[in-house]
Amino acid sequence: QVQLVESGGGLVQAGASLRLSCAASGRTLTSYAVGWFRQAPGKEREFVAAISWSGGNTLYAYSLKGRFTIARDNAKNTVYLQMNSLNSEDTAVYYCAARIGIVTRTRCDYDIWGQGTQVTVSS
């Protein structure tokens, strides 16, 4: 069974960039599609971005495309989320999740989740 651990969150000012990492242990991530989701206080967990097992197919939340980039390094068993031009609306706990099968935007399709990493953007 794959275990996922997120890192790279923190407190930044508006306009800054952050790169989140999702490191896997227990098994290789090679067979898994991986998604990033986020949950702000009082809101539902929402889709951010996802990447297929090969990295050849990526999906983004329509409102975030152009600012966020997802990538993976299967040799390092890690998936990354590069976030640029951050603003206060990006403040949330960011989770990575994995699934066997095609990459999707749907939260309930993912059955392996990390504990999350907090991103706070001050204006």
C-alpha atoms as a PDB file:
ATOM      1  CA  GLN A   1       0.000   0.000   0.000  1.00  0.00           C
ATOM      2  CA  VAL A   2       1.278   3.458  -0.889  1.00  0.00           C
ATOM      3  CA  GLN A   3       1.603   6.108   1.815  1.00  0.00           C
ATOM      4  CA  LEU A   4       1.735   9.765   0.831  1.00  0.00           C
ATOM      5  CA  VAL A   5       3.401  12.644   2.664  1.00  0.00           C
ATOM      6  CA  GLU A   6       3.029  16.265   1.591  1.00  0.00           C
ATOM      7  CA  SER A   7       5.588  18.966   2.310  1.00  0.00           C
ATOM      8  CA  GLY A   8       6.535  22.451   1.206  1.00  0.00           C
ATOM      9  CA  GLY A   9       3.681  24.443   2.654  1.00  0.00           C
ATOM     10  CA  GLY A  10       4.145  27.570   4.704  1.00  0.00           C
ATOM     11  CA  LEU A  11       3.325  31.226   5.185  1.00  0.00           C
ATOM     12  CA  VAL A  12       4.070  33.484   2.222  1.00  0.00           C
ATOM     13  CA  GLN A  13       3.102  36.933   1.019  1.00  0.00           C
ATOM     14  CA  ALA A  14       0.788  37.544  -1.877  1.00  0.00           C
ATOM     15  CA  GLY A  15       2.588  37.233  -5.189  1.00  0.00           C
ATOM     16  CA  ALA A  16       5.054  34.652  -3.934  1.00  0.00           C
ATOM     17  CA  SER A  17       5.593  31.112  -5.183  1.00  0.00           C
ATOM     18  CA  LEU A  18       5.692  27.766  -3.432  1.00  0.00           C
ATOM     19  CA  ARG A  19       6.449  24.253  -4.556  1.00  0.00           C
ATOM     20  CA  LEU A  20       4.659  21.451  -2.785  1.00  0.00           C
ATOM     21  CA  SER A  21       5.947  17.892  -2.806  1.00  0.00           C
ATOM     22  CA  CYS A  22       4.052  14.640  -2.429  1.00  0.00           C
ATOM     23  CA  ALA A  23       6.440  11.832  -1.563  1.00  0.00           C
ATOM     24  CA  ALA A  24       5.362   8.222  -1.667  1.00  0.00           C
ATOM     25  CA  SER A  25       6.588   5.317   0.387  1.00  0.00           C
ATOM     26  CA  GLY A  26       5.653   1.675   0.659  1.00  0.00           C
ATOM     27  CA  ARG A  27       5.263   1.166  -3.069  1.00  0.00           C
ATOM     28  CA  THR A  28       6.295   2.883  -6.242  1.00  0.00           C
ATOM     29  CA  LEU A  29       3.958   5.592  -7.514  1.00  0.00           C
ATOM     30  CA  THR A  30       4.536   4.513 -11.077  1.00  0.00           C
ATOM     31  CA  SER A  31       1.146   2.826 -11.433  1.00  0.00           C
ATOM     32  CA  TYR A  32      -0.826   5.648  -9.850  1.00  0.00           C
ATOM     33  CA  ALA A  33      -2.457   8.794 -11.083  1.00  0.00           C
ATOM     34  CA  VAL A  34      -1.927  11.541  -8.499  1.00  0.00           C
ATOM     35  CA  GLY A  35      -4.049  14.549  -7.745  1.00  0.00           C
ATOM     36  CA  TRP A  36      -3.765  17.645  -5.612  1.00  0.00           C
ATOM     37  CA  PHE A  37      -6.782  18.951  -3.749  1.00  0.00           C
ATOM     38  CA  ARG A  38      -7.215  21.784  -1.287  1.00  0.00           C
ATOM     39  CA  GLN A  39      -9.586  22.666   1.497  1.00  0.00           C
ATOM     40  CA  ALA A  40     -10.057  26.150   2.856  1.00  0.00           C
ATOM     41  CA  PRO A  41     -11.713  26.767   6.246  1.00  0.00           C
ATOM     42  CA  GLY A  42     -15.458  26.253   6.024  1.00  0.00           C
ATOM     43  CA  LYS A  43     -15.309  25.046   2.434  1.00  0.00           C
ATOM     44  CA  GLU A  44     -15.413  21.696   0.698  1.00  0.00           C
ATOM     45  CA  ARG A  45     -12.261  20.026  -0.532  1.00  0.00           C
ATOM     46  CA  GLU A  46     -11.751  21.018  -4.141  1.00  0.00           C
ATOM     47  CA  PHE A  47      -9.739  19.753  -7.068  1.00  0.00           C
ATOM     48  CA  VAL A  48      -6.531  21.597  -7.961  1.00  0.00           C
ATOM     49  CA  ALA A  49      -4.549  19.486 -10.447  1.00  0.00           C
ATOM     50  CA  ALA A  50      -3.817  15.890 -11.376  1.00  0.00           C
ATOM     51  CA  ILE A  51      -1.304  13.940 -13.406  1.00  0.00           C
ATOM     52  CA  SER A  52      -1.389  10.521 -15.035  1.00  0.00           C
ATOM     53  CA  TRP A  53       0.972   7.741 -14.028  1.00  0.00           C
ATOM     54  CA  SER A  54       3.285   8.514 -16.951  1.00  0.00           C
ATOM     55  CA  GLY A  55       3.069  12.277 -16.626  1.00  0.00           C
ATOM     56  CA  GLY A  56       1.731  12.501 -20.141  1.00  0.00           C
ATOM     57  CA  ASN A  57      -1.699  13.768 -19.174  1.00  0.00           C
ATOM     58  CA  THR A  58      -2.394  16.630 -16.779  1.00  0.00           C
ATOM     59  CA  LEU A  59      -5.628  18.194 -15.582  1.00  0.00           C
ATOM     60  CA  TYR A  60      -6.168  21.509 -13.828  1.00  0.00           C
ATOM     61  CA  ALA A  61      -8.947  23.363 -12.142  1.00  0.00           C
ATOM     62  CA  TYR A  62     -10.006  25.848 -14.764  1.00  0.00           C
ATOM     63  CA  SER A  63      -9.511  28.835 -12.476  1.00  0.00           C
ATOM     64  CA  LEU A  64      -5.943  27.811 -11.605  1.00  0.00           C
ATOM     65  CA  LYS A  65      -4.535  26.840 -14.956  1.00  0.00           C
ATOM     66  CA  GLY A  66      -1.631  29.082 -15.841  1.00  0.00           C
ATOM     67  CA  ARG A  67      -0.584  29.728 -12.251  1.00  0.00           C
ATOM     68  CA  PHE A  68      -0.185  26.146 -11.009  1.00  0.00           C
ATOM     69  CA  THR A  69       1.844  23.379 -12.618  1.00  0.00           C
ATOM     70  CA  ILE A  70       1.860  19.712 -11.671  1.00  0.00           C
ATOM     71  CA  ALA A  71       4.778  17.431 -12.467  1.00  0.00           C
ATOM     72  CA  ARG A  72       6.163  14.109 -11.332  1.00  0.00           C
ATOM     73  CA  ASP A  73       9.492  12.394 -11.003  1.00  0.00           C
ATOM     74  CA  ASN A  74       8.857   8.658 -10.876  1.00  0.00           C
ATOM     75  CA  ALA A  75      12.506   7.953 -10.167  1.00  0.00           C
ATOM     76  CA  LYS A  76      12.100   9.943  -6.931  1.00  0.00           C
ATOM     77  CA  ASN A  77       8.594   8.638  -6.278  1.00  0.00           C
ATOM     78  CA  THR A  78       7.430  12.233  -5.921  1.00  0.00           C
ATOM     79  CA  VAL A  79       4.817  14.519  -7.425  1.00  0.00           C
ATOM     80  CA  TYR A  80       5.164  18.292  -7.308  1.00  0.00           C
ATOM     81  CA  LEU A  81       2.807  21.237  -7.421  1.00  0.00           C
ATOM     82  CA  GLN A  82       4.408  24.529  -8.430  1.00  0.00           C
ATOM     83  CA  MET A  83       2.225  27.451  -7.370  1.00  0.00           C
ATOM     84  CA  ASN A  84       2.944  30.953  -8.644  1.00  0.00           C
ATOM     85  CA  SER A  85       1.406  34.378  -8.045  1.00  0.00           C
ATOM     86  CA  LEU A  86      -0.249  33.194  -4.864  1.00  0.00           C
ATOM     87  CA  ASN A  87      -3.096  35.205  -3.386  1.00  0.00           C
ATOM     88  CA  SER A  88      -5.163  35.006  -0.228  1.00  0.00           C
ATOM     89  CA  GLU A  89      -7.766  32.802  -1.930  1.00  0.00           C
ATOM     90  CA  ASP A  90      -5.109  30.091  -2.262  1.00  0.00           C
ATOM     91  CA  THR A  91      -4.921  29.760   1.519  1.00  0.00           C
ATOM     92  CA  ALA A  92      -5.891  26.185   2.358  1.00  0.00           C
ATOM     93  CA  VAL A  93      -4.658  22.793   3.412  1.00  0.00           C
ATOM     94  CA  TYR A  94      -3.305  21.057   0.322  1.00  0.00           C
ATOM     95  CA  TYR A  95      -3.652  17.298  -0.012  1.00  0.00           C
ATOM     96  CA  CYS A  96      -2.224  14.870  -2.506  1.00  0.00           C
ATOM     97  CA  ALA A  97      -4.092  11.708  -3.389  1.00  0.00           C
ATOM     98  CA  ALA A  98      -3.467   8.669  -5.559  1.00  0.00           C
ATOM     99  CA  ARG A  99      -5.510   6.181  -7.506  1.00  0.00           C
ATOM    100  CA  ILE A 100      -4.929   3.253  -9.830  1.00  0.00           C
ATOM    101  CA  GLY A 101      -6.347   4.076 -13.212  1.00  0.00           C
ATOM    102  CA  ILE A 102      -6.920   7.110 -15.364  1.00  0.00           C
ATOM    103  CA  VAL A 103      -6.415  10.595 -14.060  1.00  0.00           C
ATOM    104  CA  THR A 104      -9.608  12.387 -13.022  1.00  0.00           C
ATOM    105  CA  ARG A 105     -10.805  15.578 -11.344  1.00  0.00           C
ATOM    106  CA  THR A 106     -13.180  13.758  -9.016  1.00  0.00           C
ATOM    107  CA  ARG A 107     -12.255  13.652  -5.346  1.00  0.00           C
ATOM    108  CA  CYS A 108     -14.028  10.382  -4.585  1.00  0.00           C
ATOM    109  CA  ASP A 109     -12.096   8.582  -7.342  1.00  0.00           C
ATOM    110  CA  TYR A 110      -8.936   8.845  -5.215  1.00  0.00           C
ATOM    111  CA  ASP A 111      -8.588   6.330  -2.407  1.00  0.00           C
ATOM    112  CA  ILE A 112      -5.133   7.046  -0.959  1.00  0.00           C
ATOM    113  CA  TRP A 113      -4.619  10.393   0.771  1.00  0.00           C
ATOM    114  CA  GLY A 114      -1.859  12.212   2.555  1.00  0.00           C
ATOM    115  CA  GLN A 115      -2.281  14.237   5.745  1.00  0.00           C
ATOM    116  CA  GLY A 116      -2.025  17.603   4.037  1.00  0.00           C
ATOM    117  CA  THR A 117       0.223  20.639   4.220  1.00  0.00           C
ATOM    118  CA  GLN A 118      -0.924  24.122   5.181  1.00  0.00           C
ATOM    119  CA  VAL A 119      -0.451  27.003   2.758  1.00  0.00           C
ATOM    120  CA  THR A 120      -1.189  30.475   4.086  1.00  0.00           C
ATOM    121  CA  VAL A 121      -0.967  33.540   1.874  1.00  0.00           C
ATOM    122  CA  SER A 122      -0.947  36.924   3.565  1.00  0.00           C
ATOM    123  CA  SER A 123      -2.143  39.977   1.670  1.00  0.00           C
END
